[in-house]
Amino acid sequence: MAIGFALLSISPLYEKKVYEALNAVSEIVEVHPLFGEYDILLKIEGPDVDSIGNTVINKIRSIQGVVDTKTLIGSKSLSGEV
């Protein structure tokens, strides 16, 4: 299982519409509105890293109102798990 996080910049007045659309994407397990440089933080799960990228490119960036994304891939290297 791969875990990714995405920081999204949303066009003004589209925040609620984008938030609702993101909640409908099955790979997204958490959606957090933010105040600051980014507007929304997502937690994404998938079977591998490629599936996380596919979700961001095909399911998140295609939502009207999403202006920019920054994707971070989680690692288990500090926990000692392989």
N, C-alpha and C. Protein backbone atom coordinates (compact mmCIF):
# COMPACT_ATOMS: atom_id res chain seq x y z
N MET A 1 0.85 -1.18 0.00
CA MET A 1 0.00 0.00 0.00
C MET A 1 0.89 1.24 0.00
N ALA A 2 0.61 2.15 -0.90
CA ALA A 2 1.33 3.42 -0.97
C ALA A 2 0.44 4.53 -0.43
N ILE A 3 1.09 5.50 0.20
CA ILE A 3 0.36 6.66 0.73
C ILE A 3 0.99 7.91 0.15
N GLY A 4 0.13 8.83 -0.28
CA GLY A 4 0.60 10.10 -0.78
C GLY A 4 -0.19 11.23 -0.15
N PHE A 5 0.41 12.40 -0.18
CA PHE A 5 -0.25 13.60 0.30
C PHE A 5 -0.20 14.63 -0.82
N ALA A 6 -1.25 15.38 -0.98
CA ALA A 6 -1.26 16.40 -2.02
C ALA A 6 -1.72 17.72 -1.41
N LEU A 7 -1.01 18.76 -1.74
CA LEU A 7 -1.37 20.12 -1.37
C LEU A 7 -1.95 20.78 -2.61
N LEU A 8 -3.14 21.34 -2.48
CA LEU A 8 -3.83 21.90 -3.63
C LEU A 8 -4.03 23.40 -3.49
N SER A 9 -3.86 24.10 -4.59
CA SER A 9 -4.25 25.51 -4.70
C SER A 9 -5.53 25.53 -5.52
N ILE A 10 -6.52 26.23 -4.99
CA ILE A 10 -7.85 26.26 -5.60
C ILE A 10 -8.17 27.68 -6.04
N SER A 11 -8.81 27.79 -7.19
CA SER A 11 -9.25 29.08 -7.70
C SER A 11 -10.29 29.66 -6.74
N PRO A 12 -10.22 30.97 -6.47
CA PRO A 12 -11.20 31.59 -5.58
C PRO A 12 -12.64 31.28 -6.02
N LEU A 13 -13.49 31.07 -5.06
CA LEU A 13 -14.92 30.76 -5.21
C LEU A 13 -15.20 29.32 -5.63
N TYR A 14 -14.16 28.51 -5.83
CA TYR A 14 -14.35 27.10 -6.20
C TYR A 14 -14.07 26.15 -5.03
N GLU A 15 -13.71 26.68 -3.86
CA GLU A 15 -13.30 25.84 -2.75
C GLU A 15 -14.33 24.78 -2.39
N LYS A 16 -15.57 25.17 -2.21
CA LYS A 16 -16.61 24.22 -1.80
C LYS A 16 -16.87 23.17 -2.87
N LYS A 17 -16.93 23.60 -4.12
CA LYS A 17 -17.18 22.68 -5.24
C LYS A 17 -16.05 21.65 -5.36
N VAL A 18 -14.81 22.10 -5.23
CA VAL A 18 -13.66 21.20 -5.31
C VAL A 18 -13.66 20.25 -4.11
N TYR A 19 -13.93 20.78 -2.92
CA TYR A 19 -13.98 19.95 -1.71
C TYR A 19 -14.98 18.81 -1.89
N GLU A 20 -16.15 19.11 -2.39
CA GLU A 20 -17.18 18.08 -2.60
C GLU A 20 -16.75 17.06 -3.65
N ALA A 21 -16.12 17.52 -4.72
CA ALA A 21 -15.66 16.60 -5.77
C ALA A 21 -14.56 15.68 -5.25
N LEU A 22 -13.67 16.21 -4.43
CA LEU A 22 -12.58 15.40 -3.88
C LEU A 22 -13.11 14.31 -2.97
N ASN A 23 -14.15 14.60 -2.20
CA ASN A 23 -14.74 13.61 -1.31
C ASN A 23 -15.37 12.44 -2.07
N ALA A 24 -15.62 12.61 -3.35
CA ALA A 24 -16.21 11.55 -4.16
C ALA A 24 -15.15 10.63 -4.79
N VAL A 25 -13.87 10.96 -4.65
CA VAL A 25 -12.79 10.15 -5.23
C VAL A 25 -12.41 9.07 -4.21
N SER A 26 -12.59 7.81 -4.58
CA SER A 26 -12.42 6.71 -3.63
C SER A 26 -10.99 6.58 -3.09
N GLU A 27 -9.99 6.95 -3.86
CA GLU A 27 -8.59 6.84 -3.43
C GLU A 27 -8.20 7.89 -2.38
N ILE A 28 -9.00 8.94 -2.28
CA ILE A 28 -8.73 10.00 -1.30
C ILE A 28 -9.39 9.61 0.01
N VAL A 29 -8.57 9.44 1.04
CA VAL A 29 -9.10 8.97 2.33
C VAL A 29 -9.27 10.10 3.35
N GLU A 30 -8.64 11.25 3.10
CA GLU A 30 -8.81 12.41 3.97
C GLU A 30 -8.73 13.68 3.13
N VAL A 31 -9.61 14.64 3.46
CA VAL A 31 -9.62 15.95 2.80
C VAL A 31 -9.66 17.01 3.91
N HIS A 32 -8.66 17.89 3.92
CA HIS A 32 -8.57 18.91 4.97
C HIS A 32 -8.46 20.30 4.35
N PRO A 33 -9.46 21.16 4.55
CA PRO A 33 -9.32 22.56 4.12
C PRO A 33 -8.23 23.24 4.96
N LEU A 34 -7.49 24.14 4.33
CA LEU A 34 -6.39 24.84 5.00
C LEU A 34 -6.52 26.34 4.83
N PHE A 35 -5.87 27.08 5.72
CA PHE A 35 -5.65 28.51 5.55
C PHE A 35 -4.15 28.68 5.40
N GLY A 36 -3.72 29.40 4.40
CA GLY A 36 -2.29 29.60 4.18
C GLY A 36 -1.96 29.51 2.71
N GLU A 37 -0.75 29.07 2.43
CA GLU A 37 -0.27 29.01 1.04
C GLU A 37 -1.10 28.06 0.19
N TYR A 38 -1.55 26.95 0.77
CA TYR A 38 -2.38 25.98 0.05
C TYR A 38 -3.78 25.98 0.63
N ASP A 39 -4.74 25.53 -0.17
CA ASP A 39 -6.15 25.57 0.23
C ASP A 39 -6.68 24.24 0.76
N ILE A 40 -6.13 23.13 0.27
CA ILE A 40 -6.62 21.80 0.68
C ILE A 40 -5.43 20.85 0.79
N LEU A 41 -5.47 20.00 1.82
CA LEU A 41 -4.51 18.92 2.00
C LEU A 41 -5.25 17.60 1.85
N LEU A 42 -4.70 16.68 1.05
CA LEU A 42 -5.32 15.38 0.82
C LEU A 42 -4.40 14.26 1.27
N LYS A 43 -5.00 13.18 1.73
CA LYS A 43 -4.28 11.92 1.94
C LYS A 43 -4.84 10.94 0.92
N ILE A 44 -3.95 10.33 0.14
CA ILE A 44 -4.33 9.44 -0.95
C ILE A 44 -3.72 8.07 -0.70
N GLU A 45 -4.49 7.01 -0.90
CA GLU A 45 -3.97 5.65 -0.77
C GLU A 45 -4.14 4.90 -2.08
N GLY A 46 -3.18 4.01 -2.35
CA GLY A 46 -3.25 3.18 -3.54
C GLY A 46 -2.32 2.00 -3.40
N PRO A 47 -2.43 1.04 -4.31
CA PRO A 47 -1.59 -0.16 -4.22
C PRO A 47 -0.10 0.10 -4.45
N ASP A 48 0.23 1.19 -5.17
CA ASP A 48 1.63 1.51 -5.45
C ASP A 48 1.77 2.99 -5.77
N VAL A 49 3.00 3.44 -5.90
CA VAL A 49 3.28 4.86 -6.16
C VAL A 49 2.66 5.32 -7.48
N ASP A 50 2.71 4.48 -8.49
CA ASP A 50 2.13 4.85 -9.79
C ASP A 50 0.64 5.14 -9.69
N SER A 51 -0.06 4.40 -8.85
CA SER A 51 -1.50 4.63 -8.69
C SER A 51 -1.77 5.98 -8.02
N ILE A 52 -0.88 6.40 -7.12
CA ILE A 52 -1.02 7.72 -6.50
C ILE A 52 -0.87 8.80 -7.58
N GLY A 53 0.15 8.67 -8.41
CA GLY A 53 0.35 9.62 -9.51
C GLY A 53 -0.83 9.65 -10.46
N ASN A 54 -1.37 8.49 -10.77
CA ASN A 54 -2.53 8.40 -11.66
C ASN A 54 -3.73 9.12 -11.05
N THR A 55 -3.94 8.95 -9.77
CA THR A 55 -5.06 9.63 -9.10
C THR A 55 -4.89 11.14 -9.17
N VAL A 56 -3.68 11.62 -8.90
CA VAL A 56 -3.44 13.06 -8.94
C VAL A 56 -3.65 13.61 -10.35
N ILE A 57 -3.06 12.96 -11.33
CA ILE A 57 -3.13 13.47 -12.70
C ILE A 57 -4.54 13.36 -13.29
N ASN A 58 -5.16 12.22 -13.15
CA ASN A 58 -6.42 11.98 -13.85
C ASN A 58 -7.68 12.30 -13.05
N LYS A 59 -7.61 12.27 -11.74
CA LYS A 59 -8.82 12.48 -10.95
C LYS A 59 -8.83 13.78 -10.16
N ILE A 60 -7.67 14.31 -9.81
CA ILE A 60 -7.63 15.53 -9.02
C ILE A 60 -7.39 16.76 -9.90
N ARG A 61 -6.36 16.72 -10.73
CA ARG A 61 -6.06 17.88 -11.58
C ARG A 61 -7.16 18.17 -12.60
N SER A 62 -7.99 17.19 -12.87
CA SER A 62 -9.06 17.39 -13.86
C SER A 62 -10.28 18.10 -13.26
N ILE A 63 -10.32 18.29 -11.95
CA ILE A 63 -11.45 18.95 -11.31
C ILE A 63 -11.38 20.44 -11.58
N GLN A 64 -12.47 21.00 -12.07
CA GLN A 64 -12.52 22.44 -12.35
C GLN A 64 -12.31 23.22 -11.06
N GLY A 65 -11.37 24.15 -11.08
CA GLY A 65 -11.07 24.96 -9.92
C GLY A 65 -9.72 24.60 -9.29
N VAL A 66 -9.19 23.41 -9.58
CA VAL A 66 -7.87 23.05 -9.10
C VAL A 66 -6.83 23.75 -9.96
N VAL A 67 -6.05 24.63 -9.35
CA VAL A 67 -5.08 25.44 -10.08
C VAL A 67 -3.71 24.79 -10.09
N ASP A 68 -3.31 24.22 -8.94
CA ASP A 68 -1.96 23.67 -8.82
C ASP A 68 -1.96 22.56 -7.77
N THR A 69 -1.06 21.59 -7.93
CA THR A 69 -0.92 20.52 -6.94
C THR A 69 0.56 20.33 -6.61
N LYS A 70 0.82 19.94 -5.39
CA LYS A 70 2.16 19.52 -4.95
C LYS A 70 1.95 18.17 -4.29
N THR A 71 2.56 17.13 -4.83
CA THR A 71 2.35 15.77 -4.36
C THR A 71 3.57 15.27 -3.61
N LEU A 72 3.33 14.64 -2.46
CA LEU A 72 4.39 14.08 -1.61
C LEU A 72 4.06 12.61 -1.41
N ILE A 73 5.07 11.76 -1.56
CA ILE A 73 4.88 10.31 -1.39
C ILE A 73 5.41 9.91 -0.01
N GLY A 74 4.58 9.21 0.75
CA GLY A 74 4.96 8.77 2.09
C GLY A 74 5.95 7.62 2.03
N SER A 75 6.77 7.52 3.09
CA SER A 75 7.77 6.47 3.20
C SER A 75 7.70 5.82 4.57
N LYS A 76 7.99 4.54 4.62
CA LYS A 76 8.04 3.83 5.89
C LYS A 76 9.47 3.64 6.37
N SER A 77 10.43 4.30 5.75
CA SER A 77 11.84 4.06 6.02
C SER A 77 12.24 4.39 7.47
N LEU A 78 11.60 5.32 8.11
CA LEU A 78 11.94 5.67 9.48
C LEU A 78 11.34 4.73 10.50
N SER A 79 10.30 4.01 10.12
CA SER A 79 9.62 3.12 11.06
C SER A 79 10.29 1.75 11.14
N GLY A 80 11.25 1.49 10.26
CA GLY A 80 11.93 0.22 10.27
C GLY A 80 11.23 -0.86 9.45
N GLU A 81 10.04 -0.53 8.92
CA GLU A 81 9.31 -1.49 8.08
C GLU A 81 9.94 -1.53 6.70
N VAL A 82 9.81 -2.68 6.05
CA VAL A 82 10.35 -2.81 4.69
C VAL A 82 9.24 -2.79 3.70
